[in-house]
Amino acid sequence: MVKVMNIIQTIASIPLFEGLPDNYCESLGLIAVRKTYARGQMFFSEGDDGIGFYIILSGKVKVFKLSADGKEQIFHILEDKEPFGEAAVFAGEHYPASAQALVETSAIFFPRPKFVELILSQPSLALSMLALLSLRLRKLTLLVENLSLKEVPGRLAAYLIFLNDRNNHSKSIELDVSKNQMAGLLGTIPETISRILKRMSEEKLIKMSTRSISIIDKKGLADLAEGVRRLA
């Protein structure tokens, strides 16, 4: 009973379920399963049956696709309190991408049959999740636009500005992903990322340290992201 109460309290603190009545959170807690995944362990692979969705409690998860030649395209790097796999739950189909733990990750799993039964009786849950899916769609649309219309320096500049905004405009950005993962997210290779970061540093747009980047000229980065400026 104590474990169920702990899960219910955790669910009530998750943004996806924010504002739901206590009885809804209790219903979710009764079907939720807590799971732990080791670094590198797969939650699911593209094409697997969509048997349920997850919400991260701690850790970091990469959502990605592999092309026929093995090239990786990362769509999301997700952290605490973020859900994934929910699109397959609504569609009742296969997972459209793969998900892998980047570090040891604890998550809550919601089995599809029980969750669908729950939202049929409590539609407010579905409305809350649809709002989240709409936000994800906007992010994916922006990613496709960046990959197809911007050169790599512009993509990287836009990504650094995104990290800066996410960190409440703090000038120092902690790099919580490797250059390989950053390259996968931006549709390029690690060597290109390193070369562009060096050029950005030389042009006094940023200052590099081992695991962080300090933004010196945010307007210059914005101009680079919008294609108004080019690196020398």
C-alpha atoms as a PDB file:
ATOM      1  CA  MET A   1       0.000   0.000   0.000  1.00  0.00           C
ATOM      2  CA  VAL A   2       2.909   2.341   0.797  1.00  0.00           C
ATOM      3  CA  LYS A   3       4.402   1.771  -2.665  1.00  0.00           C
ATOM      4  CA  VAL A   4       1.067   2.599  -4.335  1.00  0.00           C
ATOM      5  CA  MET A   5       0.765   5.809  -2.307  1.00  0.00           C
ATOM      6  CA  ASN A   6       4.306   6.816  -3.307  1.00  0.00           C
ATOM      7  CA  ILE A   7       3.497   6.270  -6.990  1.00  0.00           C
ATOM      8  CA  ILE A   8       0.269   8.271  -6.658  1.00  0.00           C
ATOM      9  CA  GLN A   9       2.175  11.178  -5.110  1.00  0.00           C
ATOM     10  CA  THR A  10       4.764  10.972  -7.879  1.00  0.00           C
ATOM     11  CA  ILE A  11       2.071  10.924 -10.578  1.00  0.00           C
ATOM     12  CA  ALA A  12       0.401  14.001  -9.082  1.00  0.00           C
ATOM     13  CA  SER A  13       3.697  15.917  -9.455  1.00  0.00           C
ATOM     14  CA  ILE A  14       4.145  15.089 -13.167  1.00  0.00           C
ATOM     15  CA  PRO A  15       3.307  17.997 -15.541  1.00  0.00           C
ATOM     16  CA  LEU A  16       1.395  15.683 -17.885  1.00  0.00           C
ATOM     17  CA  PHE A  17      -1.136  14.989 -15.116  1.00  0.00           C
ATOM     18  CA  GLU A  18      -0.966  18.394 -13.438  1.00  0.00           C
ATOM     19  CA  GLY A  19      -4.292  19.585 -12.080  1.00  0.00           C
ATOM     20  CA  LEU A  20      -6.027  16.213 -12.306  1.00  0.00           C
ATOM     21  CA  PRO A  21      -8.358  15.342  -9.403  1.00  0.00           C
ATOM     22  CA  ASP A  22      -6.939  13.045  -6.719  1.00  0.00           C
ATOM     23  CA  ASN A  23      -9.145  10.149  -7.781  1.00  0.00           C
ATOM     24  CA  TYR A  24      -7.679  10.275 -11.327  1.00  0.00           C
ATOM     25  CA  CYS A  25      -4.135  10.120  -9.913  1.00  0.00           C
ATOM     26  CA  GLU A  26      -5.186   7.213  -7.703  1.00  0.00           C
ATOM     27  CA  SER A  27      -6.561   5.356 -10.729  1.00  0.00           C
ATOM     28  CA  LEU A  28      -3.299   5.959 -12.619  1.00  0.00           C
ATOM     29  CA  GLY A  29      -1.289   4.779  -9.618  1.00  0.00           C
ATOM     30  CA  LEU A  30      -3.140   1.472  -9.568  1.00  0.00           C
ATOM     31  CA  ILE A  31      -2.081   0.595 -13.137  1.00  0.00           C
ATOM     32  CA  ALA A  32       1.436   2.097 -13.057  1.00  0.00           C
ATOM     33  CA  VAL A  33       4.532  -0.134 -12.927  1.00  0.00           C
ATOM     34  CA  ARG A  34       7.885   1.243 -11.784  1.00  0.00           C
ATOM     35  CA  LYS A  35      10.889   0.044 -13.814  1.00  0.00           C
ATOM     36  CA  THR A  36      14.645   0.675 -13.878  1.00  0.00           C
ATOM     37  CA  TYR A  37      16.832   0.485 -16.996  1.00  0.00           C
ATOM     38  CA  ALA A  38      20.627   0.290 -17.131  1.00  0.00           C
ATOM     39  CA  ARG A  39      22.683   2.658 -19.273  1.00  0.00           C
ATOM     40  CA  GLY A  40      22.379   1.560 -22.906  1.00  0.00           C
ATOM     41  CA  GLN A  41      19.337  -0.648 -22.295  1.00  0.00           C
ATOM     42  CA  MET A  42      16.496  -0.353 -24.797  1.00  0.00           C
ATOM     43  CA  PHE A  43      12.968   0.486 -23.691  1.00  0.00           C
ATOM     44  CA  PHE A  44      11.711  -0.510 -27.121  1.00  0.00           C
ATOM     45  CA  SER A  45      12.819  -0.588 -30.745  1.00  0.00           C
ATOM     46  CA  GLU A  46      11.154   0.909 -33.797  1.00  0.00           C
ATOM     47  CA  GLY A  47       8.443  -1.456 -35.029  1.00  0.00           C
ATOM     48  CA  ASP A  48       7.824  -3.142 -31.669  1.00  0.00           C
ATOM     49  CA  ASP A  49       4.197  -3.433 -30.574  1.00  0.00           C
ATOM     50  CA  GLY A  50       3.050  -0.293 -28.721  1.00  0.00           C
ATOM     51  CA  ILE A  51       2.300  -2.040 -25.453  1.00  0.00           C
ATOM     52  CA  GLY A  52       2.359   1.103 -23.303  1.00  0.00           C
ATOM     53  CA  PHE A  53       4.138   4.356 -22.547  1.00  0.00           C
ATOM     54  CA  TYR A  54       6.656   5.606 -20.017  1.00  0.00           C
ATOM     55  CA  ILE A  55       7.312   8.647 -17.845  1.00  0.00           C
ATOM     56  CA  ILE A  56      10.877   9.281 -16.675  1.00  0.00           C
ATOM     57  CA  LEU A  57      11.392   9.617 -12.931  1.00  0.00           C
ATOM     58  CA  SER A  58      15.161  10.071 -13.113  1.00  0.00           C
ATOM     59  CA  GLY A  59      17.787   9.646 -15.805  1.00  0.00           C
ATOM     60  CA  LYS A  60      17.899  10.425 -19.510  1.00  0.00           C
ATOM     61  CA  VAL A  61      16.348   8.753 -22.577  1.00  0.00           C
ATOM     62  CA  LYS A  62      17.199   9.049 -26.270  1.00  0.00           C
ATOM     63  CA  VAL A  63      14.387   8.688 -28.843  1.00  0.00           C
ATOM     64  CA  PHE A  64      15.814   7.960 -32.297  1.00  0.00           C
ATOM     65  CA  LYS A  65      15.580   6.227 -35.660  1.00  0.00           C
ATOM     66  CA  LEU A  66      18.206   4.304 -37.630  1.00  0.00           C
ATOM     67  CA  SER A  67      18.397   4.634 -41.408  1.00  0.00           C
ATOM     68  CA  ALA A  68      18.974   1.635 -43.681  1.00  0.00           C
ATOM     69  CA  ASP A  69      22.723   2.356 -43.658  1.00  0.00           C
ATOM     70  CA  GLY A  70      22.821   2.559 -39.859  1.00  0.00           C
ATOM     71  CA  LYS A  71      22.919   6.345 -39.514  1.00  0.00           C
ATOM     72  CA  GLU A  72      21.241   7.562 -36.332  1.00  0.00           C
ATOM     73  CA  GLN A  73      18.838  10.490 -36.206  1.00  0.00           C
ATOM     74  CA  ILE A  74      17.936  11.597 -32.692  1.00  0.00           C
ATOM     75  CA  PHE A  75      14.506  13.216 -32.277  1.00  0.00           C
ATOM     76  CA  HIS A  76      14.431  13.841 -28.538  1.00  0.00           C
ATOM     77  CA  ILE A  77      16.688  13.596 -25.515  1.00  0.00           C
ATOM     78  CA  LEU A  78      14.267  13.420 -22.611  1.00  0.00           C
ATOM     79  CA  GLU A  79      14.757  13.883 -18.878  1.00  0.00           C
ATOM     80  CA  ASP A  80      12.839  13.882 -15.581  1.00  0.00           C
ATOM     81  CA  LYS A  81       9.027  13.909 -15.690  1.00  0.00           C
ATOM     82  CA  GLU A  82       8.890  13.627 -19.511  1.00  0.00           C
ATOM     83  CA  PRO A  83       6.738  10.920 -21.177  1.00  0.00           C
ATOM     84  CA  PHE A  84       7.596   8.900 -24.277  1.00  0.00           C
ATOM     85  CA  GLY A  85       5.943   6.150 -26.318  1.00  0.00           C
ATOM     86  CA  GLU A  86       2.525   7.763 -25.848  1.00  0.00           C
ATOM     87  CA  ALA A  87       1.836   8.214 -29.578  1.00  0.00           C
ATOM     88  CA  ALA A  88       1.748   4.441 -30.097  1.00  0.00           C
ATOM     89  CA  VAL A  89      -0.697   4.096 -27.190  1.00  0.00           C
ATOM     90  CA  PHE A  90      -3.205   6.456 -28.806  1.00  0.00           C
ATOM     91  CA  ALA A  91      -2.742   5.037 -32.304  1.00  0.00           C
ATOM     92  CA  GLY A  92      -2.781   1.408 -31.157  1.00  0.00           C
ATOM     93  CA  GLU A  93       0.129   0.679 -33.485  1.00  0.00           C
ATOM     94  CA  HIS A  94       3.851  -0.040 -33.378  1.00  0.00           C
ATOM     95  CA  TYR A  95       6.379   2.307 -31.826  1.00  0.00           C
ATOM     96  CA  PRO A  96       7.450   4.726 -34.603  1.00  0.00           C
ATOM     97  CA  ALA A  97      10.982   5.128 -33.176  1.00  0.00           C
ATOM     98  CA  SER A  98      13.367   3.510 -30.697  1.00  0.00           C
ATOM     99  CA  ALA A  99      14.057   4.575 -27.097  1.00  0.00           C
ATOM    100  CA  GLN A 100      17.254   3.891 -25.154  1.00  0.00           C
ATOM    101  CA  ALA A 101      18.507   4.826 -21.679  1.00  0.00           C
ATOM    102  CA  LEU A 102      21.548   7.129 -21.907  1.00  0.00           C
ATOM    103  CA  VAL A 103      22.222   6.691 -18.177  1.00  0.00           C
ATOM    104  CA  GLU A 104      20.624   4.493 -15.523  1.00  0.00           C
ATOM    105  CA  THR A 105      16.983   5.510 -15.736  1.00  0.00           C
ATOM    106  CA  SER A 106      13.970   4.983 -13.508  1.00  0.00           C
ATOM    107  CA  ALA A 107      10.547   5.254 -15.140  1.00  0.00           C
ATOM    108  CA  ILE A 108       6.864   4.545 -14.619  1.00  0.00           C
ATOM    109  CA  PHE A 109       5.280   2.271 -17.237  1.00  0.00           C
ATOM    110  CA  PHE A 110       1.577   2.454 -18.116  1.00  0.00           C
ATOM    111  CA  PRO A 111       0.292  -0.685 -19.967  1.00  0.00           C
ATOM    112  CA  ARG A 112      -1.799   0.255 -22.996  1.00  0.00           C
ATOM    113  CA  PRO A 113      -4.930  -1.911 -22.363  1.00  0.00           C
ATOM    114  CA  LYS A 114      -5.403  -0.633 -18.811  1.00  0.00           C
ATOM    115  CA  PHE A 115      -4.594   2.956 -19.751  1.00  0.00           C
ATOM    116  CA  VAL A 116      -7.028   2.992 -22.690  1.00  0.00           C
ATOM    117  CA  GLU A 117      -9.750   1.611 -20.435  1.00  0.00           C
ATOM    118  CA  LEU A 118      -8.996   4.391 -17.954  1.00  0.00           C
ATOM    119  CA  ILE A 119      -9.127   7.284 -20.420  1.00  0.00           C
ATOM    120  CA  LEU A 120     -12.387   5.999 -21.902  1.00  0.00           C
ATOM    121  CA  SER A 121     -13.927   6.470 -18.486  1.00  0.00           C
ATOM    122  CA  GLN A 122     -12.006   9.693 -17.695  1.00  0.00           C
ATOM    123  CA  PRO A 123     -11.609  11.794 -20.887  1.00  0.00           C
ATOM    124  CA  SER A 124      -9.691  14.594 -19.104  1.00  0.00           C
ATOM    125  CA  LEU A 125      -6.637  12.349 -19.215  1.00  0.00           C
ATOM    126  CA  ALA A 126      -6.823  12.135 -22.993  1.00  0.00           C
ATOM    127  CA  LEU A 127      -7.171  15.920 -23.360  1.00  0.00           C
ATOM    128  CA  SER A 128      -4.088  16.477 -21.221  1.00  0.00           C
ATOM    129  CA  MET A 129      -2.020  14.035 -23.276  1.00  0.00           C
ATOM    130  CA  LEU A 130      -3.240  15.449 -26.598  1.00  0.00           C
ATOM    131  CA  ALA A 131      -1.938  18.869 -25.521  1.00  0.00           C
ATOM    132  CA  LEU A 132       1.469  17.297 -24.915  1.00  0.00           C
ATOM    133  CA  LEU A 133       1.416  15.488 -28.272  1.00  0.00           C
ATOM    134  CA  SER A 134       0.655  18.795 -30.009  1.00  0.00           C
ATOM    135  CA  LEU A 135       3.703  20.353 -28.352  1.00  0.00           C
ATOM    136  CA  ARG A 136       5.873  17.423 -29.445  1.00  0.00           C
ATOM    137  CA  LEU A 137       4.586  17.803 -33.008  1.00  0.00           C
ATOM    138  CA  ARG A 138       5.610  21.473 -33.038  1.00  0.00           C
ATOM    139  CA  LYS A 139       9.094  20.495 -31.815  1.00  0.00           C
ATOM    140  CA  LEU A 140       9.402  17.841 -34.532  1.00  0.00           C
ATOM    141  CA  THR A 141       8.251  20.330 -37.172  1.00  0.00           C
ATOM    142  CA  LEU A 142      10.962  22.739 -36.014  1.00  0.00           C
ATOM    143  CA  LEU A 143      13.542  19.935 -36.091  1.00  0.00           C
ATOM    144  CA  VAL A 144      12.619  19.004 -39.671  1.00  0.00           C
ATOM    145  CA  GLU A 145      12.802  22.674 -40.659  1.00  0.00           C
ATOM    146  CA  ASN A 146      16.236  23.043 -39.067  1.00  0.00           C
ATOM    147  CA  LEU A 147      17.582  19.878 -40.690  1.00  0.00           C
ATOM    148  CA  SER A 148      16.247  20.673 -44.151  1.00  0.00           C
ATOM    149  CA  LEU A 149      16.631  24.443 -44.385  1.00  0.00           C
ATOM    150  CA  LYS A 150      19.589  25.410 -42.178  1.00  0.00           C
ATOM    151  CA  GLU A 151      23.269  24.685 -42.568  1.00  0.00           C
ATOM    152  CA  VAL A 152      24.976  22.904 -39.660  1.00  0.00           C
ATOM    153  CA  PRO A 153      26.327  26.107 -37.997  1.00  0.00           C
ATOM    154  CA  GLY A 154      22.784  27.496 -37.961  1.00  0.00           C
ATOM    155  CA  ARG A 155      21.407  24.276 -36.484  1.00  0.00           C
ATOM    156  CA  LEU A 156      24.045  24.271 -33.749  1.00  0.00           C
ATOM    157  CA  ALA A 157      23.481  27.956 -32.972  1.00  0.00           C
ATOM    158  CA  ALA A 158      19.713  27.345 -32.690  1.00  0.00           C
ATOM    159  CA  TYR A 159      20.356  24.368 -30.394  1.00  0.00           C
ATOM    160  CA  LEU A 160      22.605  26.417 -28.085  1.00  0.00           C
ATOM    161  CA  ILE A 161      19.960  29.148 -27.898  1.00  0.00           C
ATOM    162  CA  PHE A 162      17.342  26.482 -27.064  1.00  0.00           C
ATOM    163  CA  LEU A 163      19.553  25.176 -24.220  1.00  0.00           C
ATOM    164  CA  ASN A 164      20.109  28.730 -23.005  1.00  0.00           C
ATOM    165  CA  ASP A 165      16.359  29.437 -22.938  1.00  0.00           C
ATOM    166  CA  ARG A 166      15.644  26.099 -21.231  1.00  0.00           C
ATOM    167  CA  ASN A 167      18.176  26.991 -18.506  1.00  0.00           C
ATOM    168  CA  ASN A 168      16.423  30.292 -17.730  1.00  0.00           C
ATOM    169  CA  HIS A 169      18.828  32.280 -19.910  1.00  0.00           C
ATOM    170  CA  SER A 170      21.866  31.357 -17.835  1.00  0.00           C
ATOM    171  CA  LYS A 171      24.984  32.266 -19.826  1.00  0.00           C
ATOM    172  CA  SER A 172      26.681  29.005 -18.864  1.00  0.00           C
ATOM    173  CA  ILE A 173      25.221  25.898 -20.516  1.00  0.00           C
ATOM    174  CA  GLU A 174      26.024  22.484 -19.072  1.00  0.00           C
ATOM    175  CA  LEU A 175      26.512  19.955 -21.871  1.00  0.00           C
ATOM    176  CA  ASP A 176      24.431  16.998 -20.704  1.00  0.00           C
ATOM    177  CA  VAL A 177      24.908  15.011 -23.923  1.00  0.00           C
ATOM    178  CA  SER A 178      28.043  13.825 -25.724  1.00  0.00           C
ATOM    179  CA  LYS A 179      29.185  15.300 -29.031  1.00  0.00           C
ATOM    180  CA  ASN A 180      28.111  12.048 -30.701  1.00  0.00           C
ATOM    181  CA  GLN A 181      24.581  12.495 -29.346  1.00  0.00           C
ATOM    182  CA  MET A 182      24.550  16.206 -30.208  1.00  0.00           C
ATOM    183  CA  ALA A 183      25.632  15.331 -33.744  1.00  0.00           C
ATOM    184  CA  GLY A 184      22.833  12.758 -34.020  1.00  0.00           C
ATOM    185  CA  LEU A 185      20.332  15.328 -32.834  1.00  0.00           C
ATOM    186  CA  LEU A 186      21.506  17.887 -35.392  1.00  0.00           C
ATOM    187  CA  GLY A 187      21.955  15.522 -38.334  1.00  0.00           C
ATOM    188  CA  THR A 188      25.723  15.728 -38.700  1.00  0.00           C
ATOM    189  CA  ILE A 189      28.942  14.091 -37.377  1.00  0.00           C
ATOM    190  CA  PRO A 190      30.936  14.775 -34.165  1.00  0.00           C
ATOM    191  CA  GLU A 191      33.959  16.132 -36.059  1.00  0.00           C
ATOM    192  CA  THR A 192      31.782  18.800 -37.668  1.00  0.00           C
ATOM    193  CA  ILE A 193      30.333  19.781 -34.272  1.00  0.00           C
ATOM    194  CA  SER A 194      33.858  20.160 -32.813  1.00  0.00           C
ATOM    195  CA  ARG A 195      35.025  22.246 -35.773  1.00  0.00           C
ATOM    196  CA  ILE A 196      32.030  24.600 -35.631  1.00  0.00           C
ATOM    197  CA  LEU A 197      32.278  25.037 -31.853  1.00  0.00           C
ATOM    198  CA  LYS A 198      35.929  25.985 -32.291  1.00  0.00           C
ATOM    199  CA  ARG A 199      35.030  28.564 -34.955  1.00  0.00           C
ATOM    200  CA  MET A 200      32.248  29.961 -32.760  1.00  0.00           C
ATOM    201  CA  SER A 201      34.792  30.315 -29.964  1.00  0.00           C
ATOM    202  CA  GLU A 202      37.310  32.048 -32.257  1.00  0.00           C
ATOM    203  CA  GLU A 203      34.632  34.532 -33.322  1.00  0.00           C
ATOM    204  CA  LYS A 204      33.818  35.280 -29.653  1.00  0.00           C
ATOM    205  CA  LEU A 205      30.268  33.916 -29.864  1.00  0.00           C
ATOM    206  CA  ILE A 206      30.908  31.360 -27.127  1.00  0.00           C
ATOM    207  CA  LYS A 207      33.581  30.295 -24.654  1.00  0.00           C
ATOM    208  CA  MET A 208      34.295  26.587 -24.295  1.00  0.00           C
ATOM    209  CA  SER A 209      35.219  24.592 -21.216  1.00  0.00           C
ATOM    210  CA  THR A 210      35.340  20.833 -20.599  1.00  0.00           C
ATOM    211  CA  ARG A 211      31.625  20.206 -19.972  1.00  0.00           C
ATOM    212  CA  SER A 212      30.027  23.602 -20.486  1.00  0.00           C
ATOM    213  CA  ILE A 213      29.649  26.459 -22.961  1.00  0.00           C
ATOM    214  CA  SER A 214      29.352  30.121 -22.001  1.00  0.00           C
ATOM    215  CA  ILE A 215      27.391  32.301 -24.404  1.00  0.00           C
ATOM    216  CA  ILE A 216      29.228  35.567 -25.052  1.00  0.00           C
ATOM    217  CA  ASP A 217      27.221  36.955 -27.965  1.00  0.00           C
ATOM    218  CA  LYS A 218      23.639  35.638 -28.015  1.00  0.00           C
ATOM    219  CA  LYS A 219      22.580  38.058 -30.767  1.00  0.00           C
ATOM    220  CA  GLY A 220      25.430  36.791 -32.916  1.00  0.00           C
ATOM    221  CA  LEU A 221      24.250  33.219 -32.343  1.00  0.00           C
ATOM    222  CA  ALA A 222      20.679  34.231 -33.208  1.00  0.00           C
ATOM    223  CA  ASP A 223      21.897  35.852 -36.437  1.00  0.00           C
ATOM    224  CA  LEU A 224      23.774  32.648 -37.269  1.00  0.00           C
ATOM    225  CA  ALA A 225      20.685  30.533 -36.520  1.00  0.00           C
ATOM    226  CA  GLU A 226      18.547  32.731 -38.798  1.00  0.00           C
ATOM    227  CA  GLY A 227      21.089  32.714 -41.638  1.00  0.00           C
ATOM    228  CA  VAL A 228      21.767  36.458 -41.317  1.00  0.00           C
ATOM    229  CA  ARG A 229      25.385  35.734 -40.361  1.00  0.00           C
ATOM    230  CA  ARG A 230      27.901  33.129 -41.474  1.00  0.00           C
ATOM    231  CA  LEU A 231      31.021  31.859 -39.755  1.00  0.00           C
ATOM    232  CA  ALA A 232      34.289  33.027 -41.307  1.00  0.00           C
END
